[in-house]
Amino acid sequence: MLAGKGYENQYLAESEIRELVETALGQVNLTGKRVLIIIPDGTRTAPIPLMFRLFYEYLGDSTAALDYLIALGTHQAMSEAAINTLVGLTAEERADKYARVNIFNHRWDLPETFVTLGQITPAEIEEITGGLMSQAVDVRLNKMVFDYDQLIVCGPTFPHEVVGFSGGNKYFFPGIGGPEVINFSHWLGAVITSYNVIGTKHTPVRRVIDKAAAFIDKPKLCFSMVVKGEDLAGLYIGTPEEAYEAAADLSAKLHITFIDRPYQRVLSVMPKMYDDIWTAAKGMYKMEPAIADGGEVVIYAPHIDEISYTHGKLLDEIGYHVRDYFLKQWDKFKHYPGGVLAHSTHLRGIGEYDAATGVESPRISVTLATRIPEERCRNLCLGYLDPDSLNLDEWRGREAEGVLLVPKAGELLYRLKPKNGHSSL
């Protein structure tokens, strides 16, 4: 670890952040080097504007190139205006003071974006997954990284439904990776189930991602941030693996709320940084472990009118279902992308499917209170509530009744207090 500091009960001062950045960058010689910084899109809370300014201050005059690549995964591309907001610049500042800095969207939608780095073998997959799966997985990555001498990852760490905690090498896969690792890793997480994966530091999915990242033959430096509210509580700088280890430990303390009894109904109020259900589904993922059997999660997002800007058509075809709905009808669904199937099961939650009767029994109900029409919600096997009919005040202060309102859902994980310590995969 080159540098790192974190607090449970206070925030890092800008002077501390500056010292950490200066210390870490002082230990790597980037003079005359071409540097590519990989950052999240607007669906993550992080002080990207602050980090952008600091990177430019310390590297802007000495590097041959200082560019950014937005790790979209398969999210929709960001507009120029949205990019300016992401990095905290006006259009004028970006065109003038920071004119030498290029900021690129990861063009995951173009096949020519990628180069093949290698393959994870069936034997390796079988070992990593404990025999759960056995198949070859091609490792492909945005070829842009090979135009640079140094890769820097800069992004936050939160509990995550697919990999356990976000951060570290996740900014390569799925961040700027090809569909093979994305689809495989997401479906692996779905088969294990988000219920069991989320908030777990070491998972088979994390091992797959780290294995894929090992194929990247470039110097890598990671700035792992732990955000509390809107501010920075921790910053850890080192290899992606080192930085992730420390950041995940602090995230587990700050981003997991343990409760004594499960809730019957939860209203997840989704912030506008989530602009479709593909991203706003985190309002379900982060609440599922804290919902009682037969309970309900309501995703309240009156600003959302689309299931997924990139995968909506496929989701309309398959709907939202529990894992075994797909596994027990695999021949019918195996040609769909694993990432889409995974999202479907993650939002629907755990449950059972009887192949003989065709009866599906999700553990809890999931209801959308958005601008997505009721008919479409029903066709997707989701509940519907008119968002205009909801009075948020009627949900407040009712925890004792088993009712909870989460004002900015999507980043904090809720789960029951463990009876005999934490479970692990």
Protein backbone atom coordinates (compact mmCIF):
# COMPACT_ATOMS: atom_id res chain seq x y z
CA MET A 1 0.00 0.00 0.00
CA LEU A 2 1.49 3.32 -1.06
CA ALA A 3 -0.81 5.45 1.10
CA GLY A 4 -4.10 5.17 2.91
CA LYS A 5 -6.28 6.58 5.66
CA GLY A 6 -9.88 6.16 6.71
CA TYR A 7 -12.27 7.13 9.48
CA GLU A 8 -15.44 5.59 10.85
CA ASN A 9 -16.71 8.74 12.58
CA GLN A 10 -15.34 11.67 10.59
CA TYR A 11 -14.31 12.72 7.09
CA LEU A 12 -10.94 13.18 5.49
CA ALA A 13 -9.96 16.84 5.29
CA GLU A 14 -8.87 18.08 1.88
CA SER A 15 -5.39 18.54 3.30
CA GLU A 16 -5.28 14.84 4.22
CA ILE A 17 -6.54 13.82 0.80
CA ARG A 18 -3.96 16.03 -0.83
CA GLU A 19 -1.19 14.53 1.31
CA LEU A 20 -2.24 10.97 0.44
CA VAL A 21 -2.33 11.74 -3.29
CA GLU A 22 1.00 13.55 -3.19
CA THR A 23 2.65 10.75 -1.22
CA ALA A 24 1.41 8.03 -3.56
CA LEU A 25 2.22 9.84 -6.79
CA GLY A 26 5.61 10.76 -5.38
CA GLN A 27 6.46 7.06 -5.20
CA VAL A 28 5.80 6.42 -8.90
CA ASN A 29 7.67 8.21 -11.63
CA LEU A 30 5.11 9.40 -14.17
CA THR A 31 7.15 12.20 -15.70
CA GLY A 32 6.86 12.00 -19.46
CA LYS A 33 4.44 9.06 -19.23
CA ARG A 34 1.07 8.67 -20.86
CA VAL A 35 -1.49 8.22 -18.07
CA LEU A 36 -5.06 6.93 -18.37
CA ILE A 37 -7.37 7.38 -15.37
CA ILE A 38 -10.42 5.10 -15.22
CA ILE A 39 -13.39 6.58 -13.36
CA PRO A 40 -17.05 5.62 -12.71
CA ASP A 41 -20.00 7.19 -14.47
CA GLY A 42 -22.62 9.35 -12.79
CA THR A 43 -24.35 6.41 -11.06
CA ARG A 44 -21.80 6.38 -8.23
CA THR A 45 -21.43 8.90 -5.40
CA ALA A 46 -17.81 10.04 -5.26
CA PRO A 47 -15.75 13.27 -5.13
CA ILE A 48 -14.58 12.86 -8.71
CA PRO A 49 -14.31 16.67 -9.19
CA LEU A 50 -11.84 16.91 -6.30
CA MET A 51 -9.77 13.99 -7.56
CA PHE A 52 -9.80 15.40 -11.10
CA ARG A 53 -8.35 18.69 -9.84
CA LEU A 54 -5.70 16.96 -7.73
CA PHE A 55 -4.58 14.65 -10.54
CA TYR A 56 -4.23 17.62 -12.85
CA GLU A 57 -2.36 19.62 -10.22
CA TYR A 58 0.20 16.87 -9.65
CA LEU A 59 0.37 15.34 -13.13
CA GLY A 60 -0.94 17.90 -15.61
CA ASP A 61 2.39 19.58 -16.38
CA SER A 62 4.71 16.58 -16.16
CA THR A 63 2.94 13.81 -18.08
CA ALA A 64 2.92 13.30 -21.83
CA ALA A 65 -0.83 12.61 -21.65
CA LEU A 66 -3.42 12.71 -18.86
CA ASP A 67 -6.69 11.25 -20.11
CA TYR A 68 -9.81 9.67 -18.63
CA LEU A 69 -11.94 6.68 -19.56
CA ILE A 70 -15.42 6.35 -18.05
CA ALA A 71 -16.02 2.76 -16.91
CA LEU A 72 -19.57 2.39 -18.20
CA GLY A 73 -19.76 -1.40 -18.12
CA THR A 74 -22.88 -1.56 -20.27
CA HIS A 75 -24.50 1.69 -19.08
CA GLN A 76 -25.47 4.27 -21.65
CA ALA A 77 -22.81 6.75 -22.75
CA MET A 78 -22.60 10.07 -20.93
CA SER A 79 -23.27 13.33 -22.77
CA GLU A 80 -20.66 16.08 -22.82
CA ALA A 81 -22.73 18.09 -20.35
CA ALA A 82 -23.01 15.08 -18.03
CA ILE A 83 -19.26 14.47 -18.28
CA ASN A 84 -18.58 18.08 -17.30
CA THR A 85 -20.81 17.64 -14.25
CA LEU A 86 -19.09 14.35 -13.40
CA VAL A 87 -15.64 15.96 -13.24
CA GLY A 88 -16.88 19.31 -11.89
CA LEU A 89 -16.02 21.54 -14.84
CA THR A 90 -17.80 24.13 -16.88
CA ALA A 91 -17.65 23.74 -20.65
CA GLU A 92 -15.36 26.77 -20.72
CA GLU A 93 -12.94 25.33 -18.17
CA ARG A 94 -12.77 22.06 -20.02
CA ALA A 95 -12.08 23.80 -23.33
CA ASP A 96 -9.51 26.19 -21.86
CA LYS A 97 -7.58 25.26 -18.71
CA TYR A 98 -8.05 21.50 -19.13
CA ALA A 99 -7.95 21.38 -22.92
CA ARG A 100 -5.15 18.79 -22.98
CA VAL A 101 -7.25 16.32 -20.99
CA ASN A 102 -9.35 13.93 -23.05
CA ILE A 103 -12.36 12.23 -21.40
CA PHE A 104 -13.69 9.19 -23.24
CA ASN A 105 -16.81 7.09 -22.86
CA HIS A 106 -16.06 3.35 -22.87
CA ARG A 107 -17.65 2.29 -26.14
CA TRP A 108 -18.77 -1.14 -25.03
CA ASP A 109 -21.33 -1.15 -27.86
CA LEU A 110 -18.66 -1.30 -30.59
CA PRO A 111 -16.89 -4.66 -31.23
CA GLU A 112 -13.79 -2.86 -32.45
CA THR A 113 -13.32 -1.39 -28.96
CA PHE A 114 -11.87 -4.62 -27.61
CA VAL A 115 -8.70 -6.68 -27.79
CA THR A 116 -8.40 -10.25 -26.53
CA LEU A 117 -5.88 -10.68 -23.71
CA GLY A 118 -6.24 -14.37 -23.02
CA GLN A 119 -8.60 -16.96 -21.65
CA ILE A 120 -9.53 -18.28 -18.23
CA THR A 121 -9.60 -22.04 -18.68
CA PRO A 122 -12.46 -24.37 -17.72
CA ALA A 123 -10.24 -25.96 -15.06
CA GLU A 124 -9.52 -22.54 -13.53
CA ILE A 125 -13.22 -21.62 -13.58
CA GLU A 126 -14.10 -24.93 -11.94
CA GLU A 127 -11.55 -24.32 -9.19
CA ILE A 128 -12.63 -20.71 -8.62
CA THR A 129 -16.34 -21.58 -8.46
CA GLY A 130 -15.94 -24.72 -6.39
CA GLY A 131 -17.28 -26.86 -9.21
CA LEU A 132 -20.35 -24.70 -9.74
CA MET A 133 -19.31 -23.92 -13.32
CA SER A 134 -16.73 -25.18 -15.80
CA GLN A 135 -16.25 -23.26 -19.03
CA ALA A 136 -13.67 -21.18 -20.85
CA VAL A 137 -14.05 -17.41 -20.49
CA ASP A 138 -12.36 -15.11 -22.99
CA VAL A 139 -10.80 -12.02 -21.46
CA ARG A 140 -11.25 -8.93 -23.62
CA LEU A 141 -10.57 -5.34 -22.69
CA ASN A 142 -10.83 -1.86 -24.16
CA LYS A 143 -7.71 -1.69 -26.34
CA MET A 144 -7.30 2.01 -25.50
CA VAL A 145 -5.42 1.06 -22.33
CA PHE A 146 -2.48 -0.10 -24.44
CA ASP A 147 -1.95 3.44 -25.75
CA TYR A 148 -0.81 4.45 -22.24
CA ASP A 149 2.13 3.75 -19.95
CA GLN A 150 0.25 3.89 -16.64
CA LEU A 151 -3.31 2.97 -15.68
CA ILE A 152 -4.92 4.63 -12.67
CA VAL A 153 -8.25 3.45 -11.28
CA CYS A 154 -10.13 6.04 -9.23
CA GLY A 155 -13.55 5.13 -7.84
CA PRO A 156 -15.61 4.36 -4.74
CA THR A 157 -16.22 1.09 -2.93
CA PHE A 158 -19.72 0.06 -1.83
CA PRO A 159 -21.48 -3.25 -1.11
CA HIS A 160 -22.29 -4.75 -4.51
CA GLU A 161 -24.89 -7.28 -5.62
CA VAL A 162 -22.68 -9.17 -8.09
CA VAL A 163 -19.16 -9.13 -6.71
CA GLY A 164 -19.68 -8.48 -2.96
CA PHE A 165 -18.08 -5.03 -2.82
CA SER A 166 -17.31 -2.76 -5.74
CA GLY A 167 -13.93 -1.19 -6.43
CA GLY A 168 -10.48 -2.41 -7.35
CA ASN A 169 -10.31 -4.53 -10.49
CA LYS A 170 -14.05 -4.16 -10.98
CA TYR A 171 -13.24 -0.96 -12.85
CA PHE A 172 -11.60 -3.14 -15.50
CA PHE A 173 -14.22 -5.91 -15.45
CA PRO A 174 -17.01 -5.06 -16.04
CA GLY A 175 -15.99 -1.38 -16.17
CA ILE A 176 -14.09 -1.43 -19.47
CA GLY A 177 -14.19 -5.16 -20.19
CA GLY A 178 -15.75 -7.22 -22.95
CA PRO A 179 -19.10 -9.00 -22.73
CA GLU A 180 -17.60 -12.43 -22.00
CA VAL A 181 -16.33 -11.67 -18.49
CA ILE A 182 -19.28 -9.35 -17.84
CA ASN A 183 -21.90 -11.94 -18.68
CA PHE A 184 -20.10 -14.82 -17.02
CA SER A 185 -19.33 -12.98 -13.78
CA HIS A 186 -22.82 -11.53 -13.45
CA TRP A 187 -24.50 -14.88 -14.03
CA LEU A 188 -22.12 -16.55 -11.58
CA GLY A 189 -23.14 -13.98 -8.99
CA ALA A 190 -26.80 -14.58 -9.79
CA VAL A 191 -26.46 -18.35 -9.41
CA ILE A 192 -24.84 -17.84 -6.00
CA THR A 193 -27.56 -15.14 -5.49
CA SER A 194 -27.19 -11.50 -4.59
CA TYR A 195 -28.70 -12.34 -1.20
CA ASN A 196 -25.58 -14.35 -0.34
CA VAL A 197 -22.98 -12.30 -2.26
CA ILE A 198 -23.75 -8.70 -1.39
CA GLY A 199 -21.55 -7.26 1.36
CA THR A 200 -19.14 -10.24 1.26
CA LYS A 201 -15.51 -9.23 0.83
CA HIS A 202 -14.12 -12.31 -0.90
CA THR A 203 -16.35 -14.07 -3.42
CA PRO A 204 -15.88 -16.35 -6.43
CA VAL A 205 -16.94 -13.43 -8.63
CA ARG A 206 -14.17 -11.25 -7.18
CA ARG A 207 -11.68 -14.05 -7.92
CA VAL A 208 -12.84 -14.19 -11.55
CA ILE A 209 -12.42 -10.42 -11.91
CA ASP A 210 -8.97 -10.47 -10.31
CA LYS A 211 -7.97 -13.38 -12.54
CA ALA A 212 -9.08 -11.46 -15.64
CA ALA A 213 -7.26 -8.31 -14.52
CA ALA A 214 -4.03 -10.28 -14.15
CA PHE A 215 -3.94 -10.48 -17.96
CA ILE A 216 -3.47 -6.68 -18.19
CA ASP A 217 0.25 -6.21 -18.72
CA LYS A 218 0.38 -2.55 -17.72
CA PRO A 219 1.34 -0.78 -14.47
CA LYS A 220 -1.83 -0.30 -12.43
CA LEU A 221 -2.43 2.06 -9.54
CA CYS A 222 -5.76 2.24 -7.69
CA PHE A 223 -7.27 5.08 -5.68
CA SER A 224 -10.08 3.39 -3.75
CA MET A 225 -12.45 5.84 -2.12
CA VAL A 226 -14.94 5.16 0.67
CA VAL A 227 -17.71 7.73 0.66
CA LYS A 228 -19.99 8.54 3.58
CA GLY A 229 -22.94 10.61 2.49
CA GLU A 230 -21.39 12.94 -0.07
CA ASP A 231 -17.96 13.19 1.55
CA LEU A 232 -14.81 11.11 1.64
CA ALA A 233 -14.26 9.01 4.75
CA GLY A 234 -11.43 6.90 3.39
CA LEU A 235 -8.84 6.84 0.61
CA TYR A 236 -6.52 3.90 -0.02
CA ILE A 237 -3.88 3.90 -2.75
CA GLY A 238 -1.92 0.93 -4.04
CA THR A 239 -2.40 -1.98 -6.39
CA PRO A 240 -6.07 -2.63 -7.21
CA GLU A 241 -5.98 -5.65 -4.91
CA GLU A 242 -4.33 -3.80 -2.00
CA ALA A 243 -6.55 -0.75 -2.25
CA TYR A 244 -9.69 -2.90 -2.52
CA GLU A 245 -8.80 -4.90 0.60
CA ALA A 246 -8.56 -1.79 2.77
CA ALA A 247 -11.52 0.03 1.20
CA ALA A 248 -13.84 -2.97 1.52
CA ASP A 249 -13.03 -3.23 5.23
CA LEU A 250 -14.04 0.39 5.83
CA SER A 251 -17.05 0.13 3.52
CA ALA A 252 -18.30 -2.84 5.57
CA LYS A 253 -18.28 -0.60 8.64
CA LEU A 254 -19.86 2.45 7.01
CA HIS A 255 -22.21 1.05 4.39
CA ILE A 256 -23.90 -1.88 6.14
CA THR A 257 -26.73 -1.17 8.57
CA PHE A 258 -27.58 -4.12 10.79
CA ILE A 259 -31.13 -4.39 12.11
CA ASP A 260 -32.71 -6.53 14.82
CA ARG A 261 -35.93 -7.48 13.00
CA PRO A 262 -36.79 -7.63 9.29
CA TYR A 263 -39.10 -5.07 7.73
CA GLN A 264 -42.44 -5.89 6.15
CA ARG A 265 -42.46 -2.96 3.71
CA VAL A 266 -39.69 -0.69 2.50
CA LEU A 267 -39.95 2.38 0.30
CA SER A 268 -36.65 2.88 -1.50
CA VAL A 269 -36.47 6.48 -2.69
CA MET A 270 -34.10 6.50 -5.66
CA PRO A 271 -31.94 9.57 -6.38
CA LYS A 272 -31.87 10.99 -9.89
CA MET A 273 -28.38 9.65 -10.58
CA TYR A 274 -30.22 6.40 -11.39
CA ASP A 275 -32.13 7.04 -14.60
CA ASP A 276 -33.56 3.59 -15.38
CA ILE A 277 -34.48 0.44 -13.46
CA TRP A 278 -31.26 -1.24 -14.61
CA THR A 279 -29.41 1.12 -12.24
CA ALA A 280 -32.22 1.96 -9.78
CA ALA A 281 -32.68 -1.74 -8.98
CA LYS A 282 -30.06 -1.14 -6.30
CA GLY A 283 -33.00 0.03 -4.21
CA MET A 284 -33.99 -3.66 -4.10
CA TYR A 285 -30.53 -5.25 -3.94
CA LYS A 286 -29.48 -3.27 -0.87
CA MET A 287 -32.74 -3.99 1.01
CA GLU A 288 -33.47 -7.64 0.17
CA PRO A 289 -31.58 -9.18 3.13
CA ALA A 290 -33.59 -6.99 5.55
CA ILE A 291 -37.08 -7.85 4.24
CA ALA A 292 -39.29 -10.41 5.99
CA ASP A 293 -40.67 -13.39 4.09
CA GLY A 294 -43.76 -12.18 2.27
CA GLY A 295 -42.64 -8.57 2.56
CA GLU A 296 -42.37 -5.91 -0.12
CA VAL A 297 -39.85 -3.46 -1.55
CA VAL A 298 -41.28 -0.45 -3.37
CA ILE A 299 -38.86 1.33 -5.70
CA TYR A 300 -39.99 4.95 -5.74
CA ALA A 301 -38.54 6.86 -8.68
CA PRO A 302 -41.09 9.19 -10.35
CA HIS A 303 -38.33 10.47 -12.65
CA ILE A 304 -37.79 7.03 -14.26
CA ASP A 305 -39.79 5.96 -17.31
CA GLU A 306 -37.59 3.17 -18.72
CA ILE A 307 -36.56 -0.31 -17.60
CA SER A 308 -33.16 -0.18 -19.29
CA TYR A 309 -31.94 2.11 -22.02
CA THR A 310 -29.59 -0.59 -23.29
CA HIS A 311 -31.27 -3.88 -22.34
CA GLY A 312 -34.98 -3.01 -22.08
CA LYS A 313 -36.05 -5.02 -25.13
CA LEU A 314 -34.50 -8.22 -23.80
CA LEU A 315 -35.97 -7.68 -20.35
CA ASP A 316 -39.42 -7.22 -21.87
CA GLU A 317 -38.94 -10.64 -23.47
CA ILE A 318 -37.84 -12.52 -20.37
CA GLY A 319 -39.38 -10.53 -17.51
CA TYR A 320 -38.16 -10.56 -13.92
CA HIS A 321 -37.87 -13.95 -12.26
CA VAL A 322 -36.17 -15.90 -9.49
CA ARG A 323 -32.98 -17.76 -10.33
CA ASP A 324 -34.50 -21.23 -10.64
CA TYR A 325 -37.03 -20.01 -13.20
CA PHE A 326 -34.08 -19.75 -15.57
CA LEU A 327 -32.00 -22.67 -14.33
CA LYS A 328 -34.89 -25.13 -14.61
CA GLN A 329 -35.69 -23.92 -18.13
CA TRP A 330 -32.11 -23.39 -19.24
CA ASP A 331 -32.55 -24.53 -22.84
CA LYS A 332 -35.15 -21.79 -23.26
CA PHE A 333 -32.99 -19.00 -21.83
CA LYS A 334 -29.35 -19.99 -22.33
CA HIS A 335 -28.97 -17.81 -25.44
CA TYR A 336 -29.73 -14.61 -23.48
CA PRO A 337 -26.79 -12.59 -22.13
CA GLY A 338 -25.84 -13.68 -18.62
CA GLY A 339 -25.75 -10.08 -17.46
CA VAL A 340 -29.39 -9.56 -18.42
CA LEU A 341 -30.52 -12.81 -16.79
CA ALA A 342 -28.56 -11.83 -13.68
CA HIS A 343 -30.22 -8.41 -13.44
CA SER A 344 -33.61 -10.10 -13.76
CA THR A 345 -32.98 -12.44 -10.82
CA HIS A 346 -31.31 -9.76 -8.71
CA LEU A 347 -34.33 -7.47 -8.89
CA ARG A 348 -36.82 -10.29 -8.32
CA GLY A 349 -34.87 -11.73 -5.42
CA ILE A 350 -34.55 -15.26 -4.16
CA GLY A 351 -37.43 -17.72 -4.39
CA GLU A 352 -38.53 -21.04 -5.85
CA TYR A 353 -39.83 -22.33 -9.18
CA ASP A 354 -41.71 -25.59 -9.65
CA ALA A 355 -41.00 -26.76 -13.20
CA ALA A 356 -43.79 -29.34 -13.05
CA THR A 357 -46.53 -26.81 -12.30
CA GLY A 358 -44.93 -23.65 -13.68
CA VAL A 359 -45.55 -21.93 -10.35
CA GLU A 360 -43.00 -19.31 -9.31
CA SER A 361 -42.78 -18.33 -5.65
CA PRO A 362 -40.58 -15.30 -4.95
CA ARG A 363 -39.73 -14.76 -1.30
CA ILE A 364 -40.82 -11.10 -1.40
CA SER A 365 -42.75 -8.74 -3.67
CA VAL A 366 -41.12 -6.01 -5.76
CA THR A 367 -43.20 -3.00 -6.81
CA LEU A 368 -42.29 -0.12 -9.10
CA ALA A 369 -43.61 3.36 -8.32
CA THR A 370 -42.25 5.03 -11.46
CA ARG A 371 -43.49 6.42 -14.78
CA ILE A 372 -43.25 2.95 -16.32
CA PRO A 373 -46.86 2.01 -17.23
CA GLU A 374 -48.74 -0.50 -15.10
CA GLU A 375 -49.25 -2.90 -18.01
CA ARG A 376 -45.53 -3.08 -18.69
CA CYS A 377 -44.80 -3.66 -14.99
CA ARG A 378 -47.31 -6.51 -14.86
CA ASN A 379 -45.90 -8.06 -18.04
CA LEU A 380 -42.48 -7.97 -16.42
CA CYS A 381 -43.89 -9.80 -13.35
CA LEU A 382 -43.45 -6.73 -11.14
CA GLY A 383 -45.98 -4.86 -9.04
CA TYR A 384 -47.14 -1.34 -9.82
CA LEU A 385 -47.99 1.73 -7.75
CA ASP A 386 -48.89 5.15 -9.08
CA PRO A 387 -46.02 7.31 -7.78
CA ASP A 388 -48.36 10.28 -7.48
CA SER A 389 -50.48 8.34 -4.99
CA LEU A 390 -47.64 7.99 -2.49
CA ASN A 391 -47.23 10.39 0.40
CA LEU A 392 -43.71 9.93 1.74
CA ASP A 393 -44.69 11.39 5.09
CA GLU A 394 -46.98 8.40 5.63
CA TRP A 395 -43.91 6.12 5.48
CA ARG A 396 -41.73 8.05 7.93
CA GLY A 397 -41.18 7.07 11.54
CA ARG A 398 -42.87 3.68 11.28
CA GLU A 399 -39.90 1.40 11.87
CA ALA A 400 -41.58 -0.12 14.93
CA GLU A 401 -44.43 -1.22 12.63
CA GLY A 402 -42.00 -2.90 10.25
CA VAL A 403 -42.21 -0.08 7.68
CA LEU A 404 -39.11 1.81 6.53
CA LEU A 405 -38.48 4.76 4.24
CA VAL A 406 -34.94 4.94 2.80
CA PRO A 407 -34.42 8.54 1.57
CA LYS A 408 -31.41 7.91 -0.69
CA ALA A 409 -31.51 4.23 -1.48
CA GLY A 410 -28.98 2.32 -3.54
CA GLU A 411 -25.69 2.55 -1.66
CA LEU A 412 -26.30 1.49 1.96
CA LEU A 413 -26.88 -2.21 2.54
CA TYR A 414 -29.40 -3.30 5.17
CA ARG A 415 -29.25 -6.74 6.69
CA LEU A 416 -30.21 -8.62 9.84
CA LYS A 417 -27.74 -8.81 12.67
CA PRO A 418 -25.96 -12.18 12.44
CA LYS A 419 -26.73 -14.57 15.26
CA ASN A 420 -23.40 -16.38 15.13
CA GLY A 421 -21.07 -13.94 13.39
CA HIS A 422 -20.82 -13.02 9.74
CA SER A 423 -21.43 -15.61 7.07
CA SER A 424 -18.96 -15.88 4.21
CA LEU A 425 -18.80 -17.64 0.87
